[in-house]
């Protein structure tokens, strides 16, 4: 039985599920369509194969991603966001908007500093 974790609000469990650098990005890539492993690897520059496998397994375990293996030769596996995963991405949209504004603001401040 998993230990109960004392959270004061829903932010704790939500961040626990999408914690780390890659999970939210993976979910965003799966939002519009199912993707094969190699396609995800190409879309997510900078992620190692080991990390992608680990993150996909955790997302699948948490019910945010579906993995479908097709009985073909060579084997084909596709990943897609579940309705729960889609609802999480939709809930994170304001945070993504904030992140874009923050990044732009930081870039502008850096440019202003460099120009002075």
PDB file of N, CA and C in Angstrom:
ATOM      1  N   UNK A   1       0.844  -1.185   0.000  1.00  0.00           N
ATOM      2  CA  UNK A   1       0.000   0.000   0.000  1.00  0.00           C
ATOM      3  C   UNK A   1       0.879   1.235   0.000  1.00  0.00           C
ATOM      4  N   UNK A   2       0.650   2.175  -0.912  1.00  0.00           N
ATOM      5  CA  UNK A   2       1.466   3.375  -0.961  1.00  0.00           C
ATOM      6  C   UNK A   2       1.247   4.246   0.260  1.00  0.00           C
ATOM      7  N   UNK A   3       2.301   4.916   0.666  1.00  0.00           N
ATOM      8  CA  UNK A   3       2.202   5.806   1.822  1.00  0.00           C
ATOM      9  C   UNK A   3       1.381   7.034   1.439  1.00  0.00           C
ATOM     10  N   UNK A   4       0.580   7.499   2.396  1.00  0.00           N
ATOM     11  CA  UNK A   4      -0.178   8.723   2.159  1.00  0.00           C
ATOM     12  C   UNK A   4       0.771   9.906   2.203  1.00  0.00           C
ATOM     13  N   UNK A   5       0.632  10.801   1.251  1.00  0.00           N
ATOM     14  CA  UNK A   5       1.476  11.982   1.212  1.00  0.00           C
ATOM     15  C   UNK A   5       0.619  13.185   1.564  1.00  0.00           C
ATOM     16  N   UNK A   6       1.049  13.940   2.553  1.00  0.00           N
ATOM     17  CA  UNK A   6       0.240  15.067   3.015  1.00  0.00           C
ATOM     18  C   UNK A   6       0.371  16.278   2.094  1.00  0.00           C
ATOM     19  N   UNK A   7      -0.632  16.486   1.256  1.00  0.00           N
ATOM     20  CA  UNK A   7      -0.653  17.649   0.378  1.00  0.00           C
ATOM     21  C   UNK A   7      -1.710  18.605   0.877  1.00  0.00           C
ATOM     22  N   UNK A   8      -1.372  19.875   0.870  1.00  0.00           N
ATOM     23  CA  UNK A   8      -2.319  20.899   1.286  1.00  0.00           C
ATOM     24  C   UNK A   8      -3.292  21.270   0.183  1.00  0.00           C
ATOM     25  N   UNK A   9      -2.922  20.937  -1.057  1.00  0.00           N
ATOM     26  CA  UNK A   9      -3.791  21.249  -2.186  1.00  0.00           C
ATOM     27  C   UNK A   9      -3.485  20.275  -3.320  1.00  0.00           C
ATOM     28  N   UNK A  10      -4.214  20.383  -4.400  1.00  0.00           N
ATOM     29  CA  UNK A  10      -4.042  19.469  -5.530  1.00  0.00           C
ATOM     30  C   UNK A  10      -2.761  19.680  -6.318  1.00  0.00           C
ATOM     31  N   UNK A  11      -2.040  20.756  -6.054  1.00  0.00           N
ATOM     32  CA  UNK A  11      -0.806  21.018  -6.792  1.00  0.00           C
ATOM     33  C   UNK A  11       0.231  19.921  -6.525  1.00  0.00           C
ATOM     34  N   UNK A  12       0.282  19.401  -5.329  1.00  0.00           N
ATOM     35  CA  UNK A  12       1.256  18.364  -4.986  1.00  0.00           C
ATOM     36  C   UNK A  12       1.117  17.113  -5.847  1.00  0.00           C
ATOM     37  N   UNK A  13      -0.058  16.488  -5.852  1.00  0.00           N
ATOM     38  CA  UNK A  13      -0.208  15.296  -6.684  1.00  0.00           C
ATOM     39  C   UNK A  13      -0.033  15.586  -8.173  1.00  0.00           C
ATOM     40  N   UNK A  14      -0.484  16.743  -8.622  1.00  0.00           N
ATOM     41  CA  UNK A  14      -0.348  17.083 -10.042  1.00  0.00           C
ATOM     42  C   UNK A  14       1.123  17.196 -10.426  1.00  0.00           C
ATOM     43  N   UNK A  15       1.899  17.890  -9.608  1.00  0.00           N
ATOM     44  CA  UNK A  15       3.313  18.052  -9.915  1.00  0.00           C
ATOM     45  C   UNK A  15       4.076  16.742  -9.755  1.00  0.00           C
ATOM     46  N   UNK A  16       3.619  15.897  -8.876  1.00  0.00           N
ATOM     47  CA  UNK A  16       4.246  14.590  -8.707  1.00  0.00           C
ATOM     48  C   UNK A  16       4.097  13.757  -9.988  1.00  0.00           C
ATOM     49  N   UNK A  17       2.941  13.853 -10.623  1.00  0.00           N
ATOM     50  CA  UNK A  17       2.685  13.087 -11.844  1.00  0.00           C
ATOM     51  C   UNK A  17       3.485  13.629 -13.023  1.00  0.00           C
ATOM     52  N   UNK A  18       3.612  14.940 -13.152  1.00  0.00           N
ATOM     53  CA  UNK A  18       4.318  15.524 -14.303  1.00  0.00           C
ATOM     54  C   UNK A  18       5.689  16.062 -13.933  1.00  0.00           C
ATOM     55  N   UNK A  19       6.163  15.709 -12.740  1.00  0.00           N
ATOM     56  CA  UNK A  19       7.461  16.196 -12.308  1.00  0.00           C
ATOM     57  C   UNK A  19       8.563  15.831 -13.282  1.00  0.00           C
ATOM     58  N   UNK A  20       9.567  16.666 -13.332  1.00  0.00           N
ATOM     59  CA  UNK A  20      10.687  16.425 -14.219  1.00  0.00           C
ATOM     60  C   UNK A  20      10.574  17.247 -15.485  1.00  0.00           C
ATOM     61  N   UNK A  21      11.618  17.159 -16.267  1.00  0.00           N
ATOM     62  CA  UNK A  21      11.748  18.003 -17.450  1.00  0.00           C
ATOM     63  C   UNK A  21      10.930  17.516 -18.639  1.00  0.00           C
ATOM     64  N   UNK A  22      10.689  16.214 -18.753  1.00  0.00           N
ATOM     65  CA  UNK A  22      10.203  15.660 -20.015  1.00  0.00           C
ATOM     66  C   UNK A  22       8.737  15.265 -20.066  1.00  0.00           C
ATOM     67  N   UNK A  23       8.123  14.930 -18.955  1.00  0.00           N
ATOM     68  CA  UNK A  23       6.768  14.373 -19.010  1.00  0.00           C
ATOM     69  C   UNK A  23       5.758  15.313 -19.647  1.00  0.00           C
ATOM     70  N   UNK A  24       5.760  16.567 -19.245  1.00  0.00           N
ATOM     71  CA  UNK A  24       4.803  17.524 -19.817  1.00  0.00           C
ATOM     72  C   UNK A  24       5.060  17.715 -21.312  1.00  0.00           C
ATOM     73  N   UNK A  25       6.330  17.730 -21.697  1.00  0.00           N
ATOM     74  CA  UNK A  25       6.671  17.916 -23.110  1.00  0.00           C
ATOM     75  C   UNK A  25       6.219  16.705 -23.921  1.00  0.00           C
ATOM     76  N   UNK A  26       6.414  15.515 -23.375  1.00  0.00           N
ATOM     77  CA  UNK A  26       5.967  14.287 -24.046  1.00  0.00           C
ATOM     78  C   UNK A  26       4.448  14.330 -24.226  1.00  0.00           C
ATOM     79  N   UNK A  27       3.739  14.681 -23.171  1.00  0.00           N
ATOM     80  CA  UNK A  27       2.275  14.759 -23.260  1.00  0.00           C
ATOM     81  C   UNK A  27       1.835  15.768 -24.321  1.00  0.00           C
ATOM     82  N   UNK A  28       2.516  16.895 -24.403  1.00  0.00           N
ATOM     83  CA  UNK A  28       2.163  17.897 -25.423  1.00  0.00           C
ATOM     84  C   UNK A  28       2.355  17.332 -26.823  1.00  0.00           C
ATOM     85  N   UNK A  29       3.411  16.559 -27.025  1.00  0.00           N
ATOM     86  CA  UNK A  29       3.659  15.968 -28.342  1.00  0.00           C
ATOM     87  C   UNK A  29       2.609  14.908 -28.692  1.00  0.00           C
ATOM     88  N   UNK A  30       2.013  14.295 -27.677  1.00  0.00           N
ATOM     89  CA  UNK A  30       1.015  13.249 -27.912  1.00  0.00           C
ATOM     90  C   UNK A  30      -0.406  13.803 -27.959  1.00  0.00           C
ATOM     91  N   UNK A  31      -0.548  15.083 -27.727  1.00  0.00           N
ATOM     92  CA  UNK A  31      -1.876  15.687 -27.653  1.00  0.00           C
ATOM     93  C   UNK A  31      -2.618  15.628 -28.990  1.00  0.00           C
ATOM     94  N   UNK A  32      -1.917  15.902 -30.067  1.00  0.00           N
ATOM     95  CA  UNK A  32      -2.592  16.001 -31.357  1.00  0.00           C
ATOM     96  C   UNK A  32      -2.726  14.670 -32.080  1.00  0.00           C
ATOM     97  N   UNK A  33      -1.807  13.732 -31.812  1.00  0.00           N
ATOM     98  CA  UNK A  33      -1.860  12.450 -32.513  1.00  0.00           C
ATOM     99  C   UNK A  33      -0.998  11.409 -31.816  1.00  0.00           C
ATOM    100  N   UNK A  34      -1.255  10.150 -32.156  1.00  0.00           N
ATOM    101  CA  UNK A  34      -0.425   9.057 -31.669  1.00  0.00           C
ATOM    102  C   UNK A  34       0.936   9.152 -32.339  1.00  0.00           C
ATOM    103  N   UNK A  35       1.945   8.732 -31.612  1.00  0.00           N
ATOM    104  CA  UNK A  35       3.301   8.797 -32.159  1.00  0.00           C
ATOM    105  C   UNK A  35       4.064   7.518 -31.824  1.00  0.00           C
ATOM    106  N   UNK A  36       4.941   7.152 -32.736  1.00  0.00           N
ATOM    107  CA  UNK A  36       5.825   6.016 -32.509  1.00  0.00           C
ATOM    108  C   UNK A  36       7.028   6.489 -31.710  1.00  0.00           C
ATOM    109  N   UNK A  37       7.726   5.534 -31.093  1.00  0.00           N
ATOM    110  CA  UNK A  37       8.852   5.855 -30.236  1.00  0.00           C
ATOM    111  C   UNK A  37       9.904   6.680 -30.979  1.00  0.00           C
ATOM    112  N   UNK A  38      10.298   6.232 -32.154  1.00  0.00           N
ATOM    113  CA  UNK A  38      11.328   6.934 -32.917  1.00  0.00           C
ATOM    114  C   UNK A  38      10.929   8.352 -33.273  1.00  0.00           C
ATOM    115  N   UNK A  39       9.653   8.541 -33.553  1.00  0.00           N
ATOM    116  CA  UNK A  39       9.141   9.871 -33.867  1.00  0.00           C
ATOM    117  C   UNK A  39       9.245  10.782 -32.646  1.00  0.00           C
ATOM    118  N   UNK A  40       8.876  10.246 -31.471  1.00  0.00           N
ATOM    119  CA  UNK A  40       9.010  11.028 -30.240  1.00  0.00           C
ATOM    120  C   UNK A  40      10.469  11.385 -29.988  1.00  0.00           C
ATOM    121  N   UNK A  41      11.353  10.427 -30.190  1.00  0.00           N
ATOM    122  CA  UNK A  41      12.787  10.655 -29.976  1.00  0.00           C
ATOM    123  C   UNK A  41      13.278  11.796 -30.862  1.00  0.00           C
ATOM    124  N   UNK A  42      12.852  11.843 -32.105  1.00  0.00           N
ATOM    125  CA  UNK A  42      13.263  12.914 -33.017  1.00  0.00           C
ATOM    126  C   UNK A  42      12.656  14.265 -32.606  1.00  0.00           C
ATOM    127  N   UNK A  43      11.427  14.256 -32.148  1.00  0.00           N
ATOM    128  CA  UNK A  43      10.755  15.502 -31.771  1.00  0.00           C
ATOM    129  C   UNK A  43      11.324  16.111 -30.489  1.00  0.00           C
ATOM    130  N   UNK A  44      11.842  15.266 -29.621  1.00  0.00           N
ATOM    131  CA  UNK A  44      12.331  15.726 -28.317  1.00  0.00           C
ATOM    132  C   UNK A  44      13.852  15.753 -28.322  1.00  0.00           C
ATOM    133  N   UNK A  45      14.407  16.740 -28.988  1.00  0.00           N
ATOM    134  CA  UNK A  45      15.864  16.797 -29.059  1.00  0.00           C
ATOM    135  C   UNK A  45      16.433  16.991 -27.648  1.00  0.00           C
ATOM    136  N   UNK A  46      17.443  16.216 -27.353  1.00  0.00           N
ATOM    137  CA  UNK A  46      18.089  16.320 -26.052  1.00  0.00           C
ATOM    138  C   UNK A  46      17.715  15.213 -25.081  1.00  0.00           C
ATOM    139  N   UNK A  47      16.675  14.451 -25.354  1.00  0.00           N
ATOM    140  CA  UNK A  47      16.294  13.366 -24.455  1.00  0.00           C
ATOM    141  C   UNK A  47      17.024  12.094 -24.886  1.00  0.00           C
ATOM    142  N   UNK A  48      17.520  11.365 -23.908  1.00  0.00           N
ATOM    143  CA  UNK A  48      18.170  10.099 -24.225  1.00  0.00           C
ATOM    144  C   UNK A  48      17.104   9.022 -24.423  1.00  0.00           C
ATOM    145  N   UNK A  49      17.475   7.968 -25.109  1.00  0.00           N
ATOM    146  CA  UNK A  49      16.542   6.867 -25.334  1.00  0.00           C
ATOM    147  C   UNK A  49      16.105   6.261 -24.001  1.00  0.00           C
ATOM    148  N   UNK A  50      17.063   6.098 -23.090  1.00  0.00           N
ATOM    149  CA  UNK A  50      16.759   5.533 -21.770  1.00  0.00           C
ATOM    150  C   UNK A  50      15.748   6.399 -21.016  1.00  0.00           C
ATOM    151  N   UNK A  51      15.958   7.708 -21.050  1.00  0.00           N
ATOM    152  CA  UNK A  51      15.049   8.627 -20.349  1.00  0.00           C
ATOM    153  C   UNK A  51      13.666   8.616 -20.984  1.00  0.00           C
ATOM    154  N   UNK A  52      13.597   8.580 -22.315  1.00  0.00           N
ATOM    155  CA  UNK A  52      12.301   8.547 -22.990  1.00  0.00           C
ATOM    156  C   UNK A  52      11.534   7.283 -22.621  1.00  0.00           C
ATOM    157  N   UNK A  53      12.217   6.155 -22.616  1.00  0.00           N
ATOM    158  CA  UNK A  53      11.579   4.891 -22.224  1.00  0.00           C
ATOM    159  C   UNK A  53      11.053   4.992 -20.802  1.00  0.00           C
ATOM    160  N   UNK A  54      11.873   5.500 -19.894  1.00  0.00           N
ATOM    161  CA  UNK A  54      11.482   5.619 -18.483  1.00  0.00           C
ATOM    162  C   UNK A  54      10.275   6.537 -18.322  1.00  0.00           C
ATOM    163  N   UNK A  55      10.314   7.686 -18.978  1.00  0.00           N
ATOM    164  CA  UNK A  55       9.220   8.644 -18.850  1.00  0.00           C
ATOM    165  C   UNK A  55       7.925   8.102 -19.441  1.00  0.00           C
ATOM    166  N   UNK A  56       8.008   7.436 -20.580  1.00  0.00           N
ATOM    167  CA  UNK A  56       6.810   6.834 -21.182  1.00  0.00           C
ATOM    168  C   UNK A  56       6.224   5.762 -20.275  1.00  0.00           C
ATOM    169  N   UNK A  57       7.069   4.961 -19.669  1.00  0.00           N
ATOM    170  CA  UNK A  57       6.573   3.921 -18.750  1.00  0.00           C
ATOM    171  C   UNK A  57       5.869   4.532 -17.553  1.00  0.00           C
ATOM    172  N   UNK A  58       6.439   5.602 -17.001  1.00  0.00           N
ATOM    173  CA  UNK A  58       5.815   6.259 -15.852  1.00  0.00           C
ATOM    174  C   UNK A  58       4.487   6.915 -16.245  1.00  0.00           C
ATOM    175  N   UNK A  59       4.463   7.560 -17.400  1.00  0.00           N
ATOM    176  CA  UNK A  59       3.213   8.174 -17.869  1.00  0.00           C
ATOM    177  C   UNK A  59       2.147   7.114 -18.110  1.00  0.00           C
ATOM    178  N   UNK A  60       2.555   5.976 -18.647  1.00  0.00           N
ATOM    179  CA  UNK A  60       1.610   4.878 -18.863  1.00  0.00           C
ATOM    180  C   UNK A  60       1.113   4.335 -17.525  1.00  0.00           C
ATOM    181  N   UNK A  61       2.012   4.165 -16.589  1.00  0.00           N
ATOM    182  CA  UNK A  61       1.647   3.665 -15.261  1.00  0.00           C
ATOM    183  C   UNK A  61       0.679   4.611 -14.545  1.00  0.00           C
ATOM    184  N   UNK A  62       0.843   5.900 -14.782  1.00  0.00           N
ATOM    185  CA  UNK A  62      -0.028   6.898 -14.151  1.00  0.00           C
ATOM    186  C   UNK A  62      -1.344   7.093 -14.898  1.00  0.00           C
ATOM    187  N   UNK A  63      -1.525   6.377 -16.004  1.00  0.00           N
ATOM    188  CA  UNK A  63      -2.781   6.450 -16.749  1.00  0.00           C
ATOM    189  C   UNK A  63      -2.891   7.651 -17.668  1.00  0.00           C
ATOM    190  N   UNK A  64      -1.757   8.290 -17.980  1.00  0.00           N
ATOM    191  CA  UNK A  64      -1.779   9.480 -18.815  1.00  0.00           C
ATOM    192  C   UNK A  64      -1.479   9.180 -20.276  1.00  0.00           C
ATOM    193  N   UNK A  65      -0.858   8.028 -20.534  1.00  0.00           N
ATOM    194  CA  UNK A  65      -0.460   7.636 -21.886  1.00  0.00           C
ATOM    195  C   UNK A  65      -0.870   6.192 -22.119  1.00  0.00           C
ATOM    196  N   UNK A  66      -1.378   5.926 -23.318  1.00  0.00           N
ATOM    197  CA  UNK A  66      -1.665   4.554 -23.753  1.00  0.00           C
ATOM    198  C   UNK A  66      -0.534   4.079 -24.646  1.00  0.00           C
ATOM    199  N   UNK A  67      -0.184   2.815 -24.501  1.00  0.00           N
ATOM    200  CA  UNK A  67       0.825   2.179 -25.348  1.00  0.00           C
ATOM    201  C   UNK A  67       0.137   1.032 -26.074  1.00  0.00           C
ATOM    202  N   UNK A  68       0.196   1.062 -27.397  1.00  0.00           N
ATOM    203  CA  UNK A  68      -0.421   0.006 -28.199  1.00  0.00           C
ATOM    204  C   UNK A  68       0.675  -0.655 -29.019  1.00  0.00           C
ATOM    205  N   UNK A  69       0.836  -1.971 -28.816  1.00  0.00           N
ATOM    206  CA  UNK A  69       1.810  -2.747 -29.582  1.00  0.00           C
ATOM    207  C   UNK A  69       1.063  -3.504 -30.668  1.00  0.00           C
ATOM    208  N   UNK A  70       1.480  -3.320 -31.903  1.00  0.00           N
ATOM    209  CA  UNK A  70       0.852  -3.982 -33.036  1.00  0.00           C
ATOM    210  C   UNK A  70       1.619  -5.270 -33.357  1.00  0.00           C
ATOM    211  N   UNK A  71       0.894  -6.384 -33.536  1.00  0.00           N
ATOM    212  CA  UNK A  71       1.557  -7.667 -33.805  1.00  0.00           C
ATOM    213  C   UNK A  71       2.022  -7.750 -35.261  1.00  0.00           C
ATOM    214  N   UNK A  72       3.081  -7.023 -35.561  1.00  0.00           N
ATOM    215  CA  UNK A  72       3.618  -6.975 -36.911  1.00  0.00           C
ATOM    216  C   UNK A  72       5.104  -7.309 -36.869  1.00  0.00           C
ATOM    217  N   UNK A  73       5.647  -7.546 -38.048  1.00  0.00           N
ATOM    218  CA  UNK A  73       7.087  -7.726 -38.170  1.00  0.00           C
ATOM    219  C   UNK A  73       7.564  -6.679 -39.170  1.00  0.00           C
ATOM    220  N   UNK A  74       8.424  -5.766 -38.766  1.00  0.00           N
ATOM    221  CA  UNK A  74       8.956  -5.566 -37.418  1.00  0.00           C
ATOM    222  C   UNK A  74       7.879  -5.003 -36.483  1.00  0.00           C
ATOM    223  N   UNK A  75       8.087  -5.188 -35.176  1.00  0.00           N
ATOM    224  CA  UNK A  75       7.091  -4.716 -34.205  1.00  0.00           C
ATOM    225  C   UNK A  75       6.899  -3.201 -34.296  1.00  0.00           C
ATOM    226  N   UNK A  76       5.677  -2.775 -34.070  1.00  0.00           N
ATOM    227  CA  UNK A  76       5.346  -1.345 -34.083  1.00  0.00           C
ATOM    228  C   UNK A  76       4.597  -1.026 -32.799  1.00  0.00           C
ATOM    229  N   UNK A  77       5.014   0.044 -32.146  1.00  0.00           N
ATOM    230  CA  UNK A  77       4.375   0.505 -30.912  1.00  0.00           C
ATOM    231  C   UNK A  77       4.021   1.968 -31.090  1.00  0.00           C
ATOM    232  N   UNK A  78       2.805   2.320 -30.702  1.00  0.00           N
ATOM    233  CA  UNK A  78       2.373   3.709 -30.754  1.00  0.00           C
ATOM    234  C   UNK A  78       1.929   4.160 -29.367  1.00  0.00           C
ATOM    235  N   UNK A  79       2.216   5.407 -29.078  1.00  0.00           N
ATOM    236  CA  UNK A  79       1.835   6.024 -27.815  1.00  0.00           C
ATOM    237  C   UNK A  79       0.847   7.141 -28.099  1.00  0.00           C
ATOM    238  N   UNK A  80      -0.137   7.280 -27.216  1.00  0.00           N
ATOM    239  CA  UNK A  80      -1.110   8.362 -27.355  1.00  0.00           C
ATOM    240  C   UNK A  80      -1.527   8.825 -25.958  1.00  0.00           C
ATOM    241  N   UNK A  81      -1.975  10.067 -25.894  1.00  0.00           N
ATOM    242  CA  UNK A  81      -2.461  10.608 -24.628  1.00  0.00           C
ATOM    243  C   UNK A  81      -3.846  10.039 -24.335  1.00  0.00           C
ATOM    244  N   UNK A  82      -4.078   9.664 -23.097  1.00  0.00           N
ATOM    245  CA  UNK A  82      -5.394   9.207 -22.666  1.00  0.00           C
ATOM    246  C   UNK A  82      -6.265  10.435 -22.384  1.00  0.00           C
ATOM    247  N   UNK A  83      -7.562  10.242 -22.196  1.00  0.00           N
ATOM    248  CA  UNK A  83      -8.397  11.392 -21.808  1.00  0.00           C
ATOM    249  C   UNK A  83      -7.881  12.082 -20.540  1.00  0.00           C
ATOM    250  N   UNK A  84      -7.357  11.308 -19.603  1.00  0.00           N
ATOM    251  CA  UNK A  84      -6.796  11.893 -18.383  1.00  0.00           C
ATOM    252  C   UNK A  84      -5.553  12.723 -18.716  1.00  0.00           C
ATOM    253  N   UNK A  85      -4.718  12.211 -19.617  1.00  0.00           N
ATOM    254  CA  UNK A  85      -3.533  12.951 -20.044  1.00  0.00           C
ATOM    255  C   UNK A  85      -3.899  14.229 -20.771  1.00  0.00           C
ATOM    256  N   UNK A  86      -4.914  14.149 -21.625  1.00  0.00           N
ATOM    257  CA  UNK A  86      -5.374  15.339 -22.349  1.00  0.00           C
ATOM    258  C   UNK A  86      -5.898  16.385 -21.365  1.00  0.00           C
ATOM    259  N   UNK A  87      -6.653  15.942 -20.369  1.00  0.00           N
ATOM    260  CA  UNK A  87      -7.186  16.895 -19.386  1.00  0.00           C
ATOM    261  C   UNK A  87      -6.049  17.545 -18.588  1.00  0.00           C
ATOM    262  N   UNK A  88      -4.976  16.801 -18.354  1.00  0.00           N
ATOM    263  CA  UNK A  88      -3.822  17.373 -17.647  1.00  0.00           C
ATOM    264  C   UNK A  88      -3.142  18.440 -18.499  1.00  0.00           C
ATOM    265  N   UNK A  89      -2.952  18.169 -19.778  1.00  0.00           N
ATOM    266  CA  UNK A  89      -2.339  19.161 -20.674  1.00  0.00           C
ATOM    267  C   UNK A  89      -3.215  20.412 -20.739  1.00  0.00           C
ATOM    268  N   UNK A  90      -4.522  20.223 -20.811  1.00  0.00           N
ATOM    269  CA  UNK A  90      -5.421  21.374 -20.838  1.00  0.00           C
ATOM    270  C   UNK A  90      -5.322  22.180 -19.547  1.00  0.00           C
ATOM    271  N   UNK A  91      -5.171  21.489 -18.430  1.00  0.00           N
ATOM    272  CA  UNK A  91      -5.034  22.178 -17.144  1.00  0.00           C
ATOM    273  C   UNK A  91      -3.704  22.921 -17.045  1.00  0.00           C
ATOM    274  N   UNK A  92      -2.680  22.415 -17.727  1.00  0.00           N
ATOM    275  CA  UNK A  92      -1.357  23.039 -17.681  1.00  0.00           C
ATOM    276  C   UNK A  92      -1.205  24.163 -18.701  1.00  0.00           C
ATOM    277  N   UNK A  93      -2.161  24.359 -19.588  1.00  0.00           N
ATOM    278  CA  UNK A  93      -2.064  25.383 -20.634  1.00  0.00           C
ATOM    279  C   UNK A  93      -1.783  26.777 -20.070  1.00  0.00           C
ATOM    280  N   UNK A  94      -2.467  27.224 -19.007  1.00  0.00           N
ATOM    281  CA  UNK A  94      -2.130  28.543 -18.460  1.00  0.00           C
ATOM    282  C   UNK A  94      -0.691  28.608 -17.940  1.00  0.00           C
ATOM    283  N   UNK A  95      -0.197  27.521 -17.397  1.00  0.00           N
ATOM    284  CA  UNK A  95       1.185  27.485 -16.935  1.00  0.00           C
ATOM    285  C   UNK A  95       2.146  27.595 -18.117  1.00  0.00           C
ATOM    286  N   UNK A  96       1.825  26.924 -19.221  1.00  0.00           N
ATOM    287  CA  UNK A  96       2.647  27.019 -20.423  1.00  0.00           C
ATOM    288  C   UNK A  96       2.640  28.450 -20.966  1.00  0.00           C
ATOM    289  N   UNK A  97       1.491  29.090 -20.950  1.00  0.00           N
ATOM    290  CA  UNK A  97       1.408  30.488 -21.391  1.00  0.00           C
ATOM    291  C   UNK A  97       2.279  31.380 -20.506  1.00  0.00           C
ATOM    292  N   UNK A  98       2.223  31.159 -19.197  1.00  0.00           N
ATOM    293  CA  UNK A  98       3.047  31.913 -18.269  1.00  0.00           C
ATOM    294  C   UNK A  98       4.525  31.681 -18.566  1.00  0.00           C
ATOM    295  N   UNK A  99       4.900  30.433 -18.837  1.00  0.00           N
ATOM    296  CA  UNK A  99       6.288  30.107 -19.131  1.00  0.00           C
ATOM    297  C   UNK A  99       6.796  30.818 -20.372  1.00  0.00           C
ATOM    298  N   UNK A 100       5.952  30.914 -21.402  1.00  0.00           N
ATOM    299  CA  UNK A 100       6.351  31.634 -22.620  1.00  0.00           C
ATOM    300  C   UNK A 100       6.543  33.122 -22.341  1.00  0.00           C
ATOM    301  N   UNK A 101       5.636  33.702 -21.563  1.00  0.00           N
ATOM    302  CA  UNK A 101       5.781  35.127 -21.220  1.00  0.00           C
ATOM    303  C   UNK A 101       7.037  35.343 -20.371  1.00  0.00           C
ATOM    304  N   UNK A 102       7.279  34.451 -19.434  1.00  0.00           N
ATOM    305  CA  UNK A 102       8.455  34.536 -18.570  1.00  0.00           C
ATOM    306  C   UNK A 102       9.742  34.443 -19.385  1.00  0.00           C
ATOM    307  N   UNK A 103       9.786  33.490 -20.297  1.00  0.00           N
ATOM    308  CA  UNK A 103      10.970  33.308 -21.141  1.00  0.00           C
ATOM    309  C   UNK A 103      11.224  34.554 -21.993  1.00  0.00           C
ATOM    310  N   UNK A 104      10.176  35.121 -22.556  1.00  0.00           N
ATOM    311  CA  UNK A 104      10.314  36.331 -23.365  1.00  0.00           C
ATOM    312  C   UNK A 104      10.793  37.497 -22.511  1.00  0.00           C
ATOM    313  N   UNK A 105      10.255  37.613 -21.311  1.00  0.00           N
ATOM    314  CA  UNK A 105      10.645  38.691 -20.411  1.00  0.00           C
ATOM    315  C   UNK A 105      12.114  38.557 -20.016  1.00  0.00           C
ATOM    316  N   UNK A 106      12.543  37.345 -19.729  1.00  0.00           N
ATOM    317  CA  UNK A 106      13.948  37.096 -19.360  1.00  0.00           C
ATOM    318  C   UNK A 106      14.875  37.392 -20.537  1.00  0.00           C
ATOM    319  N   UNK A 107      14.462  37.014 -21.741  1.00  0.00           N
ATOM    320  CA  UNK A 107      15.276  37.285 -22.923  1.00  0.00           C
ATOM    321  C   UNK A 107      15.398  38.789 -23.148  1.00  0.00           C
ATOM    322  N   UNK A 108      14.292  39.508 -22.970  1.00  0.00           N
ATOM    323  CA  UNK A 108      14.314  40.958 -23.137  1.00  0.00           C
ATOM    324  C   UNK A 108      15.215  41.610 -22.091  1.00  0.00           C
ATOM    325  N   UNK A 109      15.109  41.164 -20.849  1.00  0.00           N
ATOM    326  CA  UNK A 109      15.956  41.723 -19.788  1.00  0.00           C
ATOM    327  C   UNK A 109      17.433  41.455 -20.067  1.00  0.00           C
ATOM    328  N   UNK A 110      17.727  40.278 -20.582  1.00  0.00           N
ATOM    329  CA  UNK A 110      19.106  39.920 -20.922  1.00  0.00           C
ATOM    330  C   UNK A 110      19.612  40.799 -22.075  1.00  0.00           C
ATOM    331  N   UNK A 111      18.761  41.034 -23.077  1.00  0.00           N
ATOM    332  CA  UNK A 111      19.134  41.881 -24.202  1.00  0.00           C
ATOM    333  C   UNK A 111      19.336  43.318 -23.745  1.00  0.00           C
ATOM    334  N   UNK A 112      18.485  43.796 -22.841  1.00  0.00           N
ATOM    335  CA  UNK A 112      18.614  45.147 -22.320  1.00  0.00           C
ATOM    336  C   UNK A 112      19.923  45.305 -21.551  1.00  0.00           C
ATOM    337  N   UNK A 113      20.282  44.299 -20.768  1.00  0.00           N
ATOM    338  CA  UNK A 113      21.516  44.314 -19.984  1.00  0.00           C
ATOM    339  C   UNK A 113      22.731  44.288 -20.907  1.00  0.00           C
ATOM    340  N   UNK A 114      22.669  43.466 -21.952  1.00  0.00           N
ATOM    341  CA  UNK A 114      23.787  43.355 -22.887  1.00  0.00           C
ATOM    342  C   UNK A 114      23.956  44.637 -23.690  1.00  0.00           C
ATOM    343  N   UNK A 115      22.875  45.342 -23.948  1.00  0.00           N
ATOM    344  CA  UNK A 115      22.921  46.581 -24.727  1.00  0.00           C
ATOM    345  C   UNK A 115      23.365  47.784 -23.933  1.00  0.00           C
ATOM    346  N   UNK A 116      23.385  47.682 -22.617  1.00  0.00           N
ATOM    347  CA  UNK A 116      23.744  48.829 -21.773  1.00  0.00           C
ATOM    348  C   UNK A 116      25.223  49.014 -21.680  1.00  0.00           C
TER     349      UNK A 116
END
